[in-house]
């Protein structure tokens, strides 16, 4: 299984690194089958996150291996991505090809801009729920939920909710026992 976490300029660090920690721990210590996890950037090289963290990408979007799961974080950089037709087309192609798409925070607004949430339930950071109306009024917005899984697209609320979502994904793709082993391994308490 190939898992990609997307990084872009002004990505919110924990939106990306929280799910990375969960999925990476699962891949390296728990998974019942081979799992590879990659940092994918819009371009090759270093990506500078919203609070200054610089990370080197494994692949750029055009050279990434086939993905079974893509995690799309949020952050200020999503404002640009919502208007980037090349990026939106790439997401639609992944979705059409069977890649499970997961977002954290305002990453869900990018999914909405790509038309992937039409008529579907979704969540985002509580401050940004009203922005769905500017993109697609058919989205069933549920900002009170930590994450929403509608089958082919999973969205989560802001920042730390991405960890809850990633644990859910481990349970879905492997087993509830694997998710619990990861939760214990990273010493994470579920949010109340």
N, C-alpha and C. Protein backbone atom coordinates (compact mmCIF):
# COMPACT_ATOMS: atom_id res chain seq x y z
N UNK A 1 0.84 -1.17 0.00
CA UNK A 1 0.00 0.00 0.00
C UNK A 1 0.89 1.24 0.00
N UNK A 2 0.55 2.21 -0.83
CA UNK A 2 1.27 3.48 -0.90
C UNK A 2 0.43 4.60 -0.32
N UNK A 3 1.00 5.28 0.66
CA UNK A 3 0.34 6.39 1.33
C UNK A 3 1.13 7.65 1.06
N UNK A 4 0.47 8.69 0.60
CA UNK A 4 1.12 9.97 0.38
C UNK A 4 0.53 11.03 1.29
N UNK A 5 1.38 11.85 1.84
CA UNK A 5 0.95 13.04 2.58
C UNK A 5 1.42 14.23 1.77
N UNK A 6 0.49 15.09 1.41
CA UNK A 6 0.79 16.24 0.59
C UNK A 6 1.34 17.38 1.43
N UNK A 7 2.40 18.02 0.93
CA UNK A 7 2.96 19.21 1.57
C UNK A 7 2.99 20.32 0.53
N UNK A 8 2.72 21.53 0.96
CA UNK A 8 2.71 22.69 0.06
C UNK A 8 3.07 23.91 0.89
N UNK A 9 3.47 24.96 0.21
CA UNK A 9 3.85 26.19 0.92
C UNK A 9 2.69 26.66 1.79
N UNK A 10 3.00 26.98 3.04
CA UNK A 10 2.02 27.45 4.03
C UNK A 10 1.07 26.37 4.51
N UNK A 11 1.49 25.09 4.40
CA UNK A 11 0.71 24.01 5.00
C UNK A 11 0.81 24.14 6.52
N UNK A 12 -0.26 23.84 7.21
CA UNK A 12 -0.24 23.83 8.68
C UNK A 12 0.51 22.59 9.14
N UNK A 13 1.57 22.79 9.92
CA UNK A 13 2.46 21.68 10.27
C UNK A 13 1.73 20.48 10.85
N UNK A 14 0.95 20.65 11.90
CA UNK A 14 0.34 19.50 12.56
C UNK A 14 -0.73 18.84 11.69
N UNK A 15 -1.34 19.59 10.80
CA UNK A 15 -2.30 18.99 9.86
C UNK A 15 -1.64 17.88 9.05
N UNK A 16 -0.38 18.06 8.72
CA UNK A 16 0.35 17.08 7.91
C UNK A 16 1.13 16.10 8.77
N UNK A 17 1.83 16.60 9.77
CA UNK A 17 2.74 15.77 10.56
C UNK A 17 1.99 14.89 11.55
N UNK A 18 0.81 15.33 12.03
CA UNK A 18 0.01 14.49 12.92
C UNK A 18 -0.41 13.19 12.23
N UNK A 19 -1.09 13.28 11.06
CA UNK A 19 -1.41 12.05 10.34
C UNK A 19 -0.17 11.26 9.92
N UNK A 20 0.91 11.98 9.56
CA UNK A 20 2.15 11.29 9.19
C UNK A 20 2.63 10.41 10.34
N UNK A 21 2.62 10.93 11.56
CA UNK A 21 3.07 10.16 12.72
C UNK A 21 2.23 8.90 12.90
N UNK A 22 0.92 9.03 12.81
CA UNK A 22 0.03 7.88 12.96
C UNK A 22 0.29 6.86 11.85
N UNK A 23 0.23 7.32 10.61
CA UNK A 23 0.38 6.41 9.47
C UNK A 23 1.79 5.84 9.37
N UNK A 24 2.78 6.66 9.72
CA UNK A 24 4.16 6.18 9.70
C UNK A 24 4.43 5.15 10.78
N UNK A 25 3.88 5.37 11.97
CA UNK A 25 4.03 4.38 13.05
C UNK A 25 3.38 3.07 12.63
N UNK A 26 2.18 3.18 12.07
CA UNK A 26 1.48 2.00 11.57
C UNK A 26 2.33 1.28 10.52
N UNK A 27 2.84 2.03 9.54
CA UNK A 27 3.62 1.43 8.45
C UNK A 27 4.87 0.72 8.95
N UNK A 28 5.54 1.31 9.92
CA UNK A 28 6.84 0.79 10.35
C UNK A 28 6.77 -0.22 11.49
N UNK A 29 5.67 -0.22 12.26
CA UNK A 29 5.64 -1.05 13.46
C UNK A 29 4.43 -1.98 13.60
N UNK A 30 3.36 -1.73 12.85
CA UNK A 30 2.12 -2.43 13.17
C UNK A 30 1.46 -3.09 11.96
N UNK A 31 1.53 -2.49 10.79
CA UNK A 31 0.75 -2.93 9.64
C UNK A 31 0.92 -4.43 9.38
N UNK A 32 -0.19 -5.06 9.02
CA UNK A 32 -0.18 -6.50 8.75
C UNK A 32 0.19 -6.80 7.30
N UNK A 33 0.57 -5.77 6.54
CA UNK A 33 0.98 -5.90 5.14
C UNK A 33 1.92 -4.74 4.84
N UNK A 34 2.69 -4.79 3.75
CA UNK A 34 3.65 -3.72 3.46
C UNK A 34 2.95 -2.38 3.18
N UNK A 35 3.42 -1.34 3.86
CA UNK A 35 2.91 0.02 3.67
C UNK A 35 4.10 0.95 3.51
N UNK A 36 4.06 1.76 2.47
CA UNK A 36 5.10 2.78 2.26
C UNK A 36 4.43 4.15 2.36
N UNK A 37 5.10 5.08 3.03
CA UNK A 37 4.57 6.42 3.20
C UNK A 37 5.54 7.42 2.60
N UNK A 38 4.99 8.39 1.85
CA UNK A 38 5.81 9.35 1.12
C UNK A 38 5.36 10.79 1.41
N UNK A 39 6.33 11.69 1.43
CA UNK A 39 6.05 13.13 1.44
C UNK A 39 5.99 13.58 -0.01
N UNK A 40 4.84 14.13 -0.39
CA UNK A 40 4.63 14.54 -1.78
C UNK A 40 4.43 16.05 -1.81
N UNK A 41 5.24 16.72 -2.63
CA UNK A 41 5.14 18.17 -2.77
C UNK A 41 4.58 18.54 -4.13
N UNK A 42 4.09 19.74 -4.23
CA UNK A 42 3.62 20.20 -5.54
C UNK A 42 4.80 20.28 -6.50
N UNK A 43 5.97 20.58 -5.96
CA UNK A 43 7.22 20.54 -6.71
C UNK A 43 8.25 19.80 -5.86
N UNK A 44 9.33 19.40 -6.48
CA UNK A 44 10.41 18.74 -5.75
C UNK A 44 11.13 19.76 -4.87
N UNK A 45 11.85 19.26 -3.89
CA UNK A 45 12.66 20.15 -3.05
C UNK A 45 12.06 20.34 -1.67
N UNK A 46 12.36 21.50 -1.08
CA UNK A 46 11.94 21.81 0.28
C UNK A 46 10.64 22.59 0.26
N UNK A 47 9.73 22.21 1.15
CA UNK A 47 8.48 22.94 1.35
C UNK A 47 8.58 23.66 2.68
N UNK A 48 8.19 24.92 2.70
CA UNK A 48 8.20 25.72 3.92
C UNK A 48 6.78 25.80 4.47
N UNK A 49 6.60 25.26 5.67
CA UNK A 49 5.28 25.21 6.30
C UNK A 49 4.91 26.56 6.93
N UNK A 50 3.70 26.65 7.48
CA UNK A 50 3.16 27.94 7.94
C UNK A 50 3.94 28.56 9.09
N UNK A 51 4.57 27.75 9.90
CA UNK A 51 5.32 28.29 11.04
C UNK A 51 6.83 28.16 10.84
N UNK A 52 7.23 27.93 9.58
CA UNK A 52 8.65 27.97 9.25
C UNK A 52 9.35 26.64 9.10
N UNK A 53 8.71 25.54 9.47
CA UNK A 53 9.35 24.24 9.33
C UNK A 53 9.58 23.93 7.85
N UNK A 54 10.80 23.54 7.51
CA UNK A 54 11.14 23.16 6.14
C UNK A 54 11.29 21.66 6.04
N UNK A 55 10.63 21.06 5.05
CA UNK A 55 10.67 19.62 4.87
C UNK A 55 11.02 19.28 3.43
N UNK A 56 11.84 18.24 3.24
CA UNK A 56 12.24 17.80 1.92
C UNK A 56 11.27 16.73 1.43
N UNK A 57 10.83 16.87 0.20
CA UNK A 57 9.84 15.96 -0.38
C UNK A 57 10.51 14.71 -0.95
N UNK A 58 9.78 13.59 -0.86
CA UNK A 58 10.22 12.36 -1.50
C UNK A 58 9.93 12.41 -3.00
N UNK A 59 8.78 12.98 -3.35
CA UNK A 59 8.35 13.06 -4.74
C UNK A 59 7.61 14.37 -4.97
N UNK A 60 7.60 14.80 -6.22
CA UNK A 60 6.66 15.85 -6.59
C UNK A 60 5.41 15.15 -7.12
N UNK A 61 4.34 15.92 -7.30
CA UNK A 61 3.06 15.37 -7.71
C UNK A 61 3.17 14.55 -8.99
N UNK A 62 3.94 15.04 -9.94
CA UNK A 62 4.01 14.37 -11.25
C UNK A 62 4.80 13.08 -11.24
N UNK A 63 5.66 12.88 -10.25
CA UNK A 63 6.52 11.69 -10.22
C UNK A 63 6.20 10.76 -9.05
N UNK A 64 5.13 11.01 -8.35
CA UNK A 64 4.75 10.17 -7.21
C UNK A 64 4.28 8.81 -7.70
N UNK A 65 4.52 7.78 -6.90
CA UNK A 65 3.99 6.46 -7.27
C UNK A 65 2.46 6.46 -7.16
N UNK A 66 1.84 5.41 -7.69
CA UNK A 66 0.39 5.27 -7.55
C UNK A 66 0.06 5.24 -6.06
N UNK A 67 -0.96 5.99 -5.66
CA UNK A 67 -1.31 6.11 -4.25
C UNK A 67 -2.61 5.38 -3.95
N UNK A 68 -2.61 4.69 -2.82
CA UNK A 68 -3.84 4.09 -2.31
C UNK A 68 -4.56 5.08 -1.40
N UNK A 69 -3.79 5.96 -0.75
CA UNK A 69 -4.33 6.97 0.16
C UNK A 69 -3.53 8.24 -0.01
N UNK A 70 -4.24 9.37 -0.10
CA UNK A 70 -3.59 10.69 -0.07
C UNK A 70 -4.20 11.48 1.06
N UNK A 71 -3.34 12.00 1.94
CA UNK A 71 -3.77 12.92 2.99
C UNK A 71 -3.46 14.33 2.52
N UNK A 72 -4.51 15.15 2.48
CA UNK A 72 -4.39 16.55 2.03
C UNK A 72 -4.63 17.45 3.24
N UNK A 73 -3.56 18.02 3.80
CA UNK A 73 -3.72 18.89 4.97
C UNK A 73 -4.31 20.25 4.60
N UNK A 74 -4.49 21.07 5.62
CA UNK A 74 -4.96 22.43 5.42
C UNK A 74 -3.86 23.43 5.72
N UNK A 75 -4.28 24.66 5.91
CA UNK A 75 -3.36 25.76 6.15
C UNK A 75 -3.62 26.87 5.16
N UNK A 76 -2.94 27.99 5.35
CA UNK A 76 -3.15 29.16 4.49
C UNK A 76 -2.89 28.86 3.01
N UNK A 77 -2.03 27.90 2.74
CA UNK A 77 -1.72 27.54 1.36
C UNK A 77 -2.90 26.96 0.59
N UNK A 78 -3.94 26.55 1.29
CA UNK A 78 -5.10 26.00 0.58
C UNK A 78 -5.87 27.08 -0.17
N UNK A 79 -5.70 28.33 0.21
CA UNK A 79 -6.38 29.42 -0.53
C UNK A 79 -5.96 29.41 -2.00
N UNK A 80 -4.68 29.20 -2.25
CA UNK A 80 -4.16 29.13 -3.61
C UNK A 80 -4.62 27.85 -4.29
N UNK A 81 -4.60 26.74 -3.56
CA UNK A 81 -4.94 25.45 -4.15
C UNK A 81 -6.40 25.37 -4.59
N UNK A 82 -7.29 26.08 -3.90
CA UNK A 82 -8.70 26.07 -4.28
C UNK A 82 -8.93 26.67 -5.66
N UNK A 83 -7.98 27.49 -6.11
CA UNK A 83 -8.09 28.15 -7.41
C UNK A 83 -7.17 27.54 -8.47
N UNK A 84 -6.39 26.54 -8.10
CA UNK A 84 -5.39 25.96 -8.99
C UNK A 84 -5.99 24.78 -9.75
N UNK A 85 -6.39 25.01 -10.99
CA UNK A 85 -7.08 23.98 -11.77
C UNK A 85 -6.21 22.74 -11.97
N UNK A 86 -4.91 22.91 -12.11
CA UNK A 86 -4.01 21.76 -12.25
C UNK A 86 -4.08 20.86 -11.01
N UNK A 87 -4.08 21.49 -9.84
CA UNK A 87 -4.16 20.73 -8.58
C UNK A 87 -5.51 20.06 -8.44
N UNK A 88 -6.58 20.77 -8.76
CA UNK A 88 -7.93 20.21 -8.64
C UNK A 88 -8.11 19.04 -9.60
N UNK A 89 -7.56 19.16 -10.80
CA UNK A 89 -7.62 18.07 -11.79
C UNK A 89 -6.89 16.83 -11.27
N UNK A 90 -5.73 17.04 -10.66
CA UNK A 90 -4.96 15.93 -10.09
C UNK A 90 -5.78 15.21 -9.02
N UNK A 91 -6.45 15.96 -8.15
CA UNK A 91 -7.28 15.34 -7.12
C UNK A 91 -8.44 14.56 -7.74
N UNK A 92 -9.07 15.13 -8.76
CA UNK A 92 -10.16 14.41 -9.43
C UNK A 92 -9.66 13.12 -10.07
N UNK A 93 -8.46 13.17 -10.65
CA UNK A 93 -7.88 11.97 -11.27
C UNK A 93 -7.57 10.90 -10.22
N UNK A 94 -7.01 11.31 -9.08
CA UNK A 94 -6.75 10.35 -8.01
C UNK A 94 -8.06 9.70 -7.56
N UNK A 95 -9.05 10.54 -7.31
CA UNK A 95 -10.35 10.06 -6.84
C UNK A 95 -10.95 9.10 -7.86
N UNK A 96 -10.93 9.47 -9.13
CA UNK A 96 -11.48 8.62 -10.18
C UNK A 96 -10.73 7.31 -10.35
N UNK A 97 -9.45 7.32 -9.97
CA UNK A 97 -8.63 6.11 -10.07
C UNK A 97 -8.69 5.22 -8.84
N UNK A 98 -9.52 5.58 -7.87
CA UNK A 98 -9.69 4.74 -6.69
C UNK A 98 -8.84 5.08 -5.49
N UNK A 99 -8.08 6.18 -5.54
CA UNK A 99 -7.31 6.59 -4.37
C UNK A 99 -8.26 7.11 -3.31
N UNK A 100 -8.11 6.63 -2.09
CA UNK A 100 -8.87 7.16 -0.96
C UNK A 100 -8.28 8.52 -0.62
N UNK A 101 -9.13 9.53 -0.56
CA UNK A 101 -8.68 10.89 -0.25
C UNK A 101 -9.10 11.26 1.16
N UNK A 102 -8.19 11.86 1.90
CA UNK A 102 -8.46 12.29 3.27
C UNK A 102 -7.94 13.71 3.44
N UNK A 103 -8.70 14.55 4.12
CA UNK A 103 -8.27 15.92 4.33
C UNK A 103 -8.27 16.27 5.80
N UNK A 104 -7.46 17.24 6.14
CA UNK A 104 -7.44 17.81 7.48
C UNK A 104 -7.74 19.30 7.33
N UNK A 105 -8.61 19.80 8.19
CA UNK A 105 -8.90 21.24 8.26
C UNK A 105 -9.37 21.76 6.90
N UNK A 106 -8.76 22.83 6.41
CA UNK A 106 -9.20 23.47 5.17
C UNK A 106 -8.83 22.68 3.92
N UNK A 107 -8.17 21.55 4.08
CA UNK A 107 -7.97 20.67 2.93
C UNK A 107 -9.31 20.24 2.34
N UNK A 108 -10.34 20.16 3.19
CA UNK A 108 -11.66 19.78 2.69
C UNK A 108 -12.24 20.84 1.77
N UNK A 109 -11.87 22.10 1.95
CA UNK A 109 -12.34 23.15 1.04
C UNK A 109 -11.75 22.95 -0.36
N UNK A 110 -10.53 22.43 -0.42
CA UNK A 110 -9.91 22.13 -1.71
C UNK A 110 -10.66 20.97 -2.36
N UNK A 111 -11.01 19.96 -1.57
CA UNK A 111 -11.80 18.84 -2.11
C UNK A 111 -13.14 19.35 -2.65
N UNK A 112 -13.77 20.27 -1.92
CA UNK A 112 -15.04 20.84 -2.39
C UNK A 112 -14.84 21.59 -3.70
N UNK A 113 -13.75 22.35 -3.81
CA UNK A 113 -13.47 23.10 -5.04
C UNK A 113 -13.24 22.15 -6.22
N UNK A 114 -12.75 20.95 -5.93
CA UNK A 114 -12.54 19.95 -6.99
C UNK A 114 -13.83 19.22 -7.33
N UNK A 115 -14.91 19.50 -6.60
CA UNK A 115 -16.19 18.86 -6.86
C UNK A 115 -16.33 17.49 -6.22
N UNK A 116 -15.46 17.16 -5.27
CA UNK A 116 -15.44 15.83 -4.69
C UNK A 116 -16.37 15.65 -3.50
N UNK A 117 -16.97 16.76 -3.03
CA UNK A 117 -17.85 16.67 -1.87
C UNK A 117 -19.29 17.04 -2.19
N UNK A 118 -19.62 17.16 -3.46
CA UNK A 118 -20.98 17.55 -3.85
C UNK A 118 -22.01 16.59 -3.28
N UNK A 119 -22.95 17.13 -2.50
CA UNK A 119 -24.01 16.35 -1.90
C UNK A 119 -23.57 15.42 -0.79
N UNK A 120 -22.33 15.56 -0.33
CA UNK A 120 -21.77 14.66 0.68
C UNK A 120 -21.59 15.37 2.02
N UNK A 121 -21.59 14.61 3.12
CA UNK A 121 -21.24 15.20 4.41
C UNK A 121 -19.73 15.43 4.48
N UNK A 122 -19.33 16.49 5.17
CA UNK A 122 -17.91 16.81 5.32
C UNK A 122 -17.72 17.72 6.52
N UNK A 123 -16.50 17.78 7.00
CA UNK A 123 -16.18 18.68 8.09
C UNK A 123 -14.88 19.42 7.77
N UNK A 124 -14.60 20.41 8.60
CA UNK A 124 -13.38 21.21 8.51
C UNK A 124 -13.21 21.88 9.87
N UNK A 125 -12.20 22.71 10.01
CA UNK A 125 -12.02 23.50 11.22
C UNK A 125 -13.28 24.34 11.45
N UNK A 126 -13.72 24.43 12.68
CA UNK A 126 -14.99 25.11 12.98
C UNK A 126 -15.04 26.55 12.47
N UNK A 127 -13.90 27.21 12.36
CA UNK A 127 -13.91 28.60 11.86
C UNK A 127 -14.17 28.71 10.37
N UNK A 128 -14.01 27.61 9.65
CA UNK A 128 -14.06 27.68 8.18
C UNK A 128 -15.28 26.99 7.57
N UNK A 129 -16.16 26.45 8.39
CA UNK A 129 -17.32 25.75 7.87
C UNK A 129 -18.18 26.58 6.94
N UNK A 130 -18.30 27.86 7.24
CA UNK A 130 -19.16 28.73 6.40
C UNK A 130 -18.59 28.93 5.00
N UNK A 131 -17.30 28.65 4.80
CA UNK A 131 -16.69 28.85 3.49
C UNK A 131 -17.15 27.82 2.46
N UNK A 132 -17.70 26.70 2.91
CA UNK A 132 -18.24 25.73 1.96
C UNK A 132 -19.32 26.37 1.10
N UNK A 133 -20.11 27.28 1.70
CA UNK A 133 -21.21 27.92 0.96
C UNK A 133 -20.70 28.69 -0.25
N UNK A 134 -19.49 29.24 -0.18
CA UNK A 134 -18.91 29.97 -1.30
C UNK A 134 -18.41 29.04 -2.40
N UNK A 135 -18.23 27.77 -2.08
CA UNK A 135 -17.66 26.81 -3.02
C UNK A 135 -18.72 25.87 -3.57
N UNK A 136 -19.49 25.26 -2.68
CA UNK A 136 -20.50 24.27 -3.09
C UNK A 136 -21.56 24.19 -2.00
N UNK A 137 -22.71 24.76 -2.26
CA UNK A 137 -23.79 24.80 -1.27
C UNK A 137 -24.41 23.43 -1.01
N UNK A 138 -24.09 22.43 -1.84
CA UNK A 138 -24.67 21.10 -1.64
C UNK A 138 -23.94 20.28 -0.58
N UNK A 139 -22.77 20.75 -0.10
CA UNK A 139 -22.02 20.00 0.90
C UNK A 139 -22.79 20.05 2.23
N UNK A 140 -22.95 18.89 2.85
CA UNK A 140 -23.60 18.76 4.15
C UNK A 140 -22.53 19.01 5.22
N UNK A 141 -22.41 20.25 5.69
CA UNK A 141 -21.32 20.68 6.58
C UNK A 141 -21.60 20.23 8.01
N UNK A 142 -20.62 19.56 8.61
CA UNK A 142 -20.75 19.02 9.97
C UNK A 142 -19.52 19.38 10.81
N UNK A 143 -19.36 20.66 11.12
CA UNK A 143 -18.15 21.11 11.83
C UNK A 143 -18.07 20.61 13.27
N UNK A 144 -19.16 20.09 13.81
CA UNK A 144 -19.12 19.56 15.18
C UNK A 144 -18.48 18.18 15.24
N UNK A 145 -18.28 17.53 14.09
CA UNK A 145 -17.70 16.19 14.07
C UNK A 145 -16.18 16.26 13.88
N UNK A 146 -15.45 15.36 14.53
CA UNK A 146 -13.99 15.31 14.42
C UNK A 146 -13.56 14.86 13.03
N UNK A 147 -14.27 13.88 12.47
CA UNK A 147 -14.02 13.45 11.10
C UNK A 147 -15.30 12.86 10.53
N UNK A 148 -15.38 12.86 9.20
CA UNK A 148 -16.53 12.31 8.49
C UNK A 148 -15.98 11.42 7.38
N UNK A 149 -16.44 10.16 7.36
CA UNK A 149 -16.01 9.21 6.34
C UNK A 149 -17.21 8.92 5.44
N UNK A 150 -17.14 9.38 4.19
CA UNK A 150 -18.25 9.10 3.29
C UNK A 150 -17.89 8.06 2.22
N UNK A 151 -16.92 7.21 2.54
CA UNK A 151 -16.59 6.10 1.66
C UNK A 151 -15.33 6.31 0.84
N UNK A 152 -15.36 7.28 -0.07
CA UNK A 152 -14.20 7.53 -0.93
C UNK A 152 -13.42 8.78 -0.52
N UNK A 153 -14.04 9.60 0.33
CA UNK A 153 -13.40 10.82 0.83
C UNK A 153 -13.66 10.89 2.33
N UNK A 154 -12.58 11.15 3.08
CA UNK A 154 -12.68 11.31 4.52
C UNK A 154 -12.18 12.71 4.85
N UNK A 155 -12.97 13.46 5.60
CA UNK A 155 -12.56 14.81 5.99
C UNK A 155 -12.47 14.89 7.51
N UNK A 156 -11.56 15.73 7.99
CA UNK A 156 -11.48 15.92 9.44
C UNK A 156 -11.51 17.39 9.77
N UNK A 157 -11.83 17.66 11.02
CA UNK A 157 -11.83 19.03 11.51
C UNK A 157 -10.38 19.50 11.61
N UNK A 158 -10.14 20.54 12.37
CA UNK A 158 -8.83 21.17 12.37
C UNK A 158 -7.76 20.49 13.18
N UNK A 159 -6.56 20.64 12.74
CA UNK A 159 -5.29 20.34 13.38
C UNK A 159 -5.28 18.97 14.06
N UNK A 160 -5.53 18.89 15.37
CA UNK A 160 -5.41 17.61 16.09
C UNK A 160 -6.44 16.59 15.64
N UNK A 161 -7.55 17.02 15.05
CA UNK A 161 -8.56 16.08 14.56
C UNK A 161 -7.98 15.19 13.46
N UNK A 162 -6.94 15.65 12.79
CA UNK A 162 -6.29 14.83 11.77
C UNK A 162 -5.68 13.57 12.35
N UNK A 163 -5.27 13.62 13.60
CA UNK A 163 -4.74 12.43 14.27
C UNK A 163 -5.86 11.41 14.48
N UNK A 164 -7.02 11.89 14.95
CA UNK A 164 -8.18 11.01 15.12
C UNK A 164 -8.56 10.37 13.79
N UNK A 165 -8.57 11.18 12.73
CA UNK A 165 -8.92 10.67 11.41
C UNK A 165 -7.92 9.61 10.95
N UNK A 166 -6.63 9.87 11.16
CA UNK A 166 -5.61 8.91 10.73
C UNK A 166 -5.75 7.59 11.49
N UNK A 167 -6.07 7.65 12.77
CA UNK A 167 -6.32 6.42 13.53
C UNK A 167 -7.53 5.68 12.97
N UNK A 168 -8.56 6.42 12.60
CA UNK A 168 -9.73 5.82 11.95
C UNK A 168 -9.31 5.12 10.65
N UNK A 169 -8.45 5.78 9.86
CA UNK A 169 -8.00 5.20 8.60
C UNK A 169 -7.22 3.91 8.82
N UNK A 170 -6.39 3.88 9.85
CA UNK A 170 -5.66 2.64 10.17
C UNK A 170 -6.67 1.54 10.50
N UNK A 171 -7.68 1.86 11.29
CA UNK A 171 -8.70 0.87 11.63
C UNK A 171 -9.46 0.40 10.40
N UNK A 172 -9.71 1.30 9.50
CA UNK A 172 -10.44 0.96 8.27
C UNK A 172 -9.58 0.13 7.31
N UNK A 173 -8.32 0.51 7.13
CA UNK A 173 -7.46 -0.15 6.14
C UNK A 173 -6.80 -1.42 6.67
N UNK A 174 -6.68 -1.53 8.00
CA UNK A 174 -6.03 -2.70 8.60
C UNK A 174 -7.01 -3.36 9.56
N UNK A 175 -7.08 -2.87 10.79
CA UNK A 175 -8.01 -3.45 11.76
C UNK A 175 -8.15 -2.49 12.94
N UNK A 176 -9.25 -2.60 13.70
CA UNK A 176 -9.39 -1.79 14.91
C UNK A 176 -8.26 -2.07 15.91
N UNK A 177 -7.80 -3.32 15.94
CA UNK A 177 -6.71 -3.68 16.84
C UNK A 177 -5.41 -2.96 16.44
N UNK A 178 -5.17 -2.86 15.14
CA UNK A 178 -3.98 -2.13 14.67
C UNK A 178 -4.07 -0.67 15.06
N UNK A 179 -5.25 -0.08 14.90
CA UNK A 179 -5.42 1.33 15.28
C UNK A 179 -5.17 1.54 16.76
N UNK A 180 -5.65 0.61 17.58
CA UNK A 180 -5.44 0.73 19.03
C UNK A 180 -3.97 0.55 19.38
N UNK A 181 -3.28 -0.35 18.69
CA UNK A 181 -1.85 -0.52 18.92
C UNK A 181 -1.08 0.75 18.56
N UNK A 182 -1.45 1.39 17.46
CA UNK A 182 -0.82 2.65 17.07
C UNK A 182 -1.11 3.72 18.12
N UNK A 183 -2.38 3.84 18.53
CA UNK A 183 -2.76 4.85 19.52
C UNK A 183 -1.93 4.70 20.78
N UNK A 184 -1.78 3.47 21.25
CA UNK A 184 -0.97 3.24 22.44
C UNK A 184 0.50 3.54 22.18
N UNK A 185 0.98 3.15 21.00
CA UNK A 185 2.39 3.36 20.66
C UNK A 185 2.78 4.82 20.60
N UNK A 186 1.89 5.68 20.10
CA UNK A 186 2.21 7.11 20.04
C UNK A 186 1.71 7.84 21.30
N UNK A 187 1.16 7.08 22.23
CA UNK A 187 0.66 7.58 23.51
C UNK A 187 -0.31 8.74 23.32
N UNK A 188 -1.34 8.47 22.53
CA UNK A 188 -2.35 9.49 22.19
C UNK A 188 -3.66 9.19 22.88
N UNK A 189 -4.22 10.20 23.53
CA UNK A 189 -5.56 10.11 24.12
C UNK A 189 -6.53 10.68 23.13
N UNK A 190 -7.56 9.92 22.80
CA UNK A 190 -8.61 10.46 21.92
C UNK A 190 -9.23 11.69 22.53
N UNK A 191 -9.59 12.63 21.66
CA UNK A 191 -10.29 13.84 22.13
C UNK A 191 -11.68 13.43 22.62
N UNK A 192 -12.15 14.13 23.62
CA UNK A 192 -13.48 13.83 24.18
C UNK A 192 -14.56 14.36 23.27
